[in-house]
Amino acid sequence: MLERIRKGSLVETAIESLRNAIEKGDWSVGDRLPVESELSESLGVSRNTVREAVRVLVHVGMLETRQGDGTYVRATRDAGETLRRIARTQLAEQLEVRIMLETEAAKLAAHRRTEQDLRHMTTALDARAKAGDDLQARIRHDEAFHHALVAASHNSALIELYDYFSHAVSQTIEKTETDADLPEPSQEDHELLLAAVRRQDEGKAESLARSLLKPSLQALKRRES
């Protein structure tokens, strides 16, 4: 079940071996792991190394320890590792996911937005416009607008998912702002989206959110083909 460790950082390799076993389904959520001595024997490392690896996986939420009862599988995915894998995906794939999330968020925001939501989005867009040639400021305010748009959906699950994906969102924003070959969504494009949300036009908000990044996605796909 477990891959015996031969070289490298013992703790890091033990973590990877345990993580892989969980992700492959060798243990399911709710299963109790073998006792420390068995894991030590299977991995070929000391019990201290096993203990440290388990501690790290408890910290990231994959395992949980129950006093006097053992260590149990809590989740089959390491959130931090998942983020690292997302970061290694193609930019076009990240854009596709971002379009899906923001399109649904825009539709919900048009239906549910409050006056405070509108103020947050307006403030971010005004600051984006004033940033001018200050690229980092423009990127920062662009991110703030999209996070405010998603927050206006008032869907807790969508907000958490978008926050989870936020590093990839930042990468796509920076790439479309800095890569001359990728069409950059204009200030006007953003203002039109905000206007649709303000007048609660769900269909238009959904359509504008999708079209905001579609030219960049098409350009990337042409480049990669």
Protein backbone atom coordinates (compact mmCIF):
# COMPACT_ATOMS: atom_id res chain seq x y z
CA MET A 1 0.00 0.00 0.00
CA LEU A 2 2.68 2.48 1.04
CA GLU A 3 5.80 3.18 -1.01
CA ARG A 4 8.91 2.47 1.00
CA ILE A 5 11.11 5.53 1.45
CA ARG A 6 14.66 5.30 0.16
CA LYS A 7 16.14 8.79 -0.01
CA GLY A 8 15.50 12.52 0.27
CA SER A 9 13.82 14.35 3.11
CA LEU A 10 12.28 11.58 5.19
CA VAL A 11 9.43 13.64 6.60
CA GLU A 12 8.54 15.21 3.22
CA THR A 13 8.65 11.85 1.51
CA ALA A 14 6.57 10.24 4.26
CA ILE A 15 3.99 13.01 3.87
CA GLU A 16 3.89 12.43 0.11
CA SER A 17 3.54 8.68 0.51
CA LEU A 18 0.69 8.98 3.00
CA ARG A 19 -1.02 11.68 0.92
CA ASN A 20 -0.80 9.57 -2.23
CA ALA A 21 -2.22 6.52 -0.45
CA ILE A 22 -5.19 8.56 0.76
CA GLU A 23 -5.79 10.18 -2.62
CA LYS A 24 -5.64 6.80 -4.38
CA GLY A 25 -8.35 5.51 -2.06
CA ASP A 26 -6.23 3.06 -0.07
CA TRP A 27 -8.04 4.58 2.92
CA SER A 28 -11.44 6.24 2.70
CA VAL A 29 -12.83 9.13 4.70
CA GLY A 30 -13.59 7.82 8.18
CA ASP A 31 -11.05 4.96 8.01
CA ARG A 32 -8.56 4.59 10.81
CA LEU A 33 -4.91 4.47 9.78
CA PRO A 34 -2.67 1.62 10.91
CA VAL A 35 -0.93 2.25 14.21
CA GLU A 36 2.31 4.23 14.25
CA SER A 37 4.54 1.17 14.49
CA GLU A 38 2.93 -0.40 11.40
CA LEU A 39 3.27 2.80 9.38
CA SER A 40 6.90 3.06 10.49
CA GLU A 41 7.58 -0.48 9.30
CA SER A 42 5.74 0.00 5.98
CA LEU A 43 7.54 3.23 5.17
CA GLY A 44 10.92 2.17 6.52
CA VAL A 45 11.31 5.25 8.71
CA SER A 46 11.33 5.99 12.41
CA ARG A 47 8.16 6.44 14.43
CA ASN A 48 9.19 10.06 15.02
CA THR A 49 9.18 10.64 11.24
CA VAL A 50 5.75 9.06 10.95
CA ARG A 51 4.50 11.18 13.84
CA GLU A 52 5.71 14.39 12.18
CA ALA A 53 4.21 13.43 8.80
CA VAL A 54 0.87 12.70 10.44
CA ARG A 55 1.03 16.01 12.32
CA VAL A 56 1.45 17.90 9.01
CA LEU A 57 -1.47 16.06 7.37
CA VAL A 58 -3.63 16.79 10.42
CA HIS A 59 -2.69 20.47 10.05
CA VAL A 60 -3.78 20.58 6.38
CA GLY A 61 -7.04 18.80 7.21
CA MET A 62 -6.51 15.40 5.61
CA LEU A 63 -6.22 13.53 8.90
CA GLU A 64 -7.56 13.92 12.42
CA THR A 65 -6.30 12.39 15.62
CA ARG A 66 -8.72 11.17 18.27
CA GLN A 67 -7.25 10.96 21.73
CA GLY A 68 -6.88 7.33 22.74
CA ASP A 69 -8.52 6.08 19.54
CA GLY A 70 -6.04 6.66 16.70
CA THR A 71 -5.71 8.68 13.49
CA TYR A 72 -8.55 8.87 10.98
CA VAL A 73 -8.90 10.09 7.39
CA ARG A 74 -10.82 13.36 7.36
CA ALA A 75 -10.48 14.35 3.67
CA THR A 76 -9.06 12.82 0.52
CA ARG A 77 -7.50 16.04 -0.75
CA ASP A 78 -4.77 18.30 0.63
CA ALA A 79 -6.04 21.83 -0.05
CA GLY A 80 -2.53 23.25 -0.31
CA GLU A 81 -1.42 20.60 -2.77
CA THR A 82 -4.58 21.15 -4.80
CA LEU A 83 -3.73 24.84 -5.08
CA ARG A 84 -0.23 23.98 -6.24
CA ARG A 85 -1.66 21.65 -8.88
CA ILE A 86 -4.04 24.37 -10.06
CA ALA A 87 -1.09 26.74 -10.36
CA ARG A 88 0.61 24.22 -12.68
CA THR A 89 -2.36 24.01 -15.07
CA GLN A 90 -2.46 25.85 -18.38
CA LEU A 91 -3.55 29.49 -18.34
CA ALA A 92 -6.40 28.68 -20.75
CA GLU A 93 -7.74 26.09 -18.31
CA GLN A 94 -7.59 28.61 -15.47
CA LEU A 95 -9.42 31.16 -17.60
CA GLU A 96 -12.15 28.64 -18.42
CA VAL A 97 -12.75 27.99 -14.72
CA ARG A 98 -12.64 31.69 -13.91
CA ILE A 99 -15.22 32.42 -16.62
CA MET A 100 -17.52 29.72 -15.22
CA LEU A 101 -17.29 31.09 -11.67
CA GLU A 102 -17.63 34.78 -12.60
CA THR A 103 -20.46 34.20 -15.06
CA GLU A 104 -22.60 32.51 -12.42
CA ALA A 105 -21.54 35.09 -9.83
CA ALA A 106 -22.58 37.96 -12.11
CA LYS A 107 -26.02 36.47 -12.68
CA LEU A 108 -26.57 35.94 -8.95
CA ALA A 109 -25.16 39.38 -8.13
CA ALA A 110 -27.62 41.04 -10.50
CA HIS A 111 -30.44 39.38 -8.59
CA ARG A 112 -29.13 39.76 -5.03
CA ARG A 113 -26.81 42.78 -4.91
CA THR A 114 -27.29 45.35 -2.17
CA GLU A 115 -26.48 49.04 -2.20
CA GLN A 116 -23.34 48.26 -0.19
CA ASP A 117 -22.28 45.70 -2.81
CA LEU A 118 -22.70 48.33 -5.52
CA ARG A 119 -20.59 50.78 -3.55
CA HIS A 120 -17.78 48.23 -3.18
CA MET A 121 -17.79 47.41 -6.90
CA THR A 122 -17.98 51.08 -7.89
CA THR A 123 -15.11 52.02 -5.57
CA ALA A 124 -12.91 49.27 -7.02
CA LEU A 125 -13.69 50.25 -10.63
CA ASP A 126 -13.13 53.95 -9.97
CA ALA A 127 -9.74 53.11 -8.43
CA ARG A 128 -8.94 50.89 -11.42
CA ALA A 129 -9.64 53.78 -13.78
CA LYS A 130 -7.52 56.19 -11.74
CA ALA A 131 -4.58 53.77 -11.64
CA GLY A 132 -3.69 54.76 -15.21
CA ASP A 133 -0.31 53.34 -16.20
CA ASP A 134 0.39 51.98 -12.71
CA LEU A 135 0.08 48.34 -13.70
CA GLN A 136 0.28 46.82 -10.23
CA ALA A 137 -2.36 49.20 -8.90
CA ARG A 138 -4.64 48.46 -11.84
CA ILE A 139 -4.26 44.71 -11.29
CA ARG A 140 -4.95 45.11 -7.56
CA HIS A 141 -8.13 47.13 -8.13
CA ASP A 142 -9.22 44.78 -10.92
CA GLU A 143 -8.98 41.87 -8.47
CA ALA A 144 -10.92 43.88 -5.88
CA PHE A 145 -13.74 44.46 -8.37
CA HIS A 146 -14.07 40.78 -9.26
CA HIS A 147 -13.98 39.72 -5.61
CA ALA A 148 -16.67 42.32 -4.85
CA LEU A 149 -18.75 40.99 -7.75
CA VAL A 150 -18.54 37.45 -6.42
CA ALA A 151 -19.30 38.64 -2.88
CA ALA A 152 -22.45 40.29 -4.27
CA SER A 153 -23.72 36.84 -5.29
CA HIS A 154 -24.34 36.16 -1.58
CA ASN A 155 -23.63 32.50 -2.21
CA SER A 156 -21.26 31.37 0.54
CA ALA A 157 -20.12 28.26 -1.33
CA LEU A 158 -19.32 30.22 -4.49
CA ILE A 159 -17.48 32.90 -2.50
CA GLU A 160 -15.36 30.28 -0.72
CA LEU A 161 -14.61 28.48 -3.98
CA TYR A 162 -13.60 31.73 -5.68
CA ASP A 163 -11.36 32.69 -2.75
CA TYR A 164 -9.82 29.21 -2.93
CA PHE A 165 -9.12 29.80 -6.62
CA SER A 166 -7.97 33.41 -6.07
CA HIS A 167 -4.26 32.79 -6.75
CA ALA A 168 -5.08 31.50 -10.23
CA VAL A 169 -7.45 34.47 -10.70
CA SER A 170 -4.58 36.82 -9.87
CA GLN A 171 -2.37 35.06 -12.40
CA THR A 172 -4.95 35.36 -15.18
CA ILE A 173 -5.53 39.06 -14.45
CA GLU A 174 -1.81 39.79 -14.49
CA LYS A 175 -1.30 37.82 -17.69
CA THR A 176 -4.10 39.59 -19.59
CA GLU A 177 -2.77 42.95 -18.37
CA THR A 178 0.87 42.32 -19.29
CA ASP A 179 0.80 40.04 -22.34
CA ALA A 180 0.52 42.22 -25.43
CA ASP A 181 -0.86 39.29 -27.45
CA LEU A 182 -3.86 38.85 -25.15
CA PRO A 183 -6.84 41.23 -25.43
CA GLU A 184 -7.14 43.19 -22.19
CA PRO A 185 -10.69 43.67 -20.84
CA SER A 186 -11.24 47.42 -20.96
CA GLN A 187 -12.49 49.77 -18.28
CA GLU A 188 -15.65 50.20 -20.35
CA ASP A 189 -16.22 46.42 -20.40
CA HIS A 190 -16.10 46.40 -16.60
CA GLU A 191 -18.37 49.45 -16.34
CA LEU A 192 -20.97 47.82 -18.58
CA LEU A 193 -20.95 44.73 -16.39
CA LEU A 194 -21.42 46.83 -13.27
CA ALA A 195 -24.28 48.73 -14.96
CA ALA A 196 -26.07 45.44 -15.73
CA VAL A 197 -25.68 44.32 -12.12
CA ARG A 198 -26.92 47.71 -10.90
CA ARG A 199 -30.12 47.55 -12.96
CA GLN A 200 -30.56 43.86 -12.01
CA ASP A 201 -30.44 42.57 -15.58
CA GLU A 202 -29.40 38.98 -14.84
CA GLY A 203 -29.16 37.84 -18.46
CA LYS A 204 -27.06 40.81 -19.55
CA ALA A 205 -24.77 40.54 -16.52
CA GLU A 206 -24.20 36.86 -17.25
CA SER A 207 -23.48 37.56 -20.92
CA LEU A 208 -21.11 40.45 -20.20
CA ALA A 209 -19.19 38.48 -17.59
CA ARG A 210 -18.65 35.70 -20.11
CA SER A 211 -17.62 38.05 -22.91
CA LEU A 212 -15.19 39.92 -20.63
CA LEU A 213 -12.56 37.17 -20.85
CA LYS A 214 -13.68 35.26 -23.94
CA PRO A 215 -11.34 37.12 -26.37
CA SER A 216 -8.32 36.32 -24.14
CA LEU A 217 -9.36 32.68 -23.93
CA GLN A 218 -9.76 32.43 -27.71
CA ALA A 219 -6.35 34.07 -28.25
CA LEU A 220 -4.71 31.60 -25.85
CA LYS A 221 -6.31 28.63 -27.57
CA ARG A 222 -5.12 29.87 -30.98
CA ARG A 223 -1.61 30.23 -29.55
CA GLU A 224 -1.61 26.73 -28.07
CA SER A 225 -3.09 25.03 -31.15
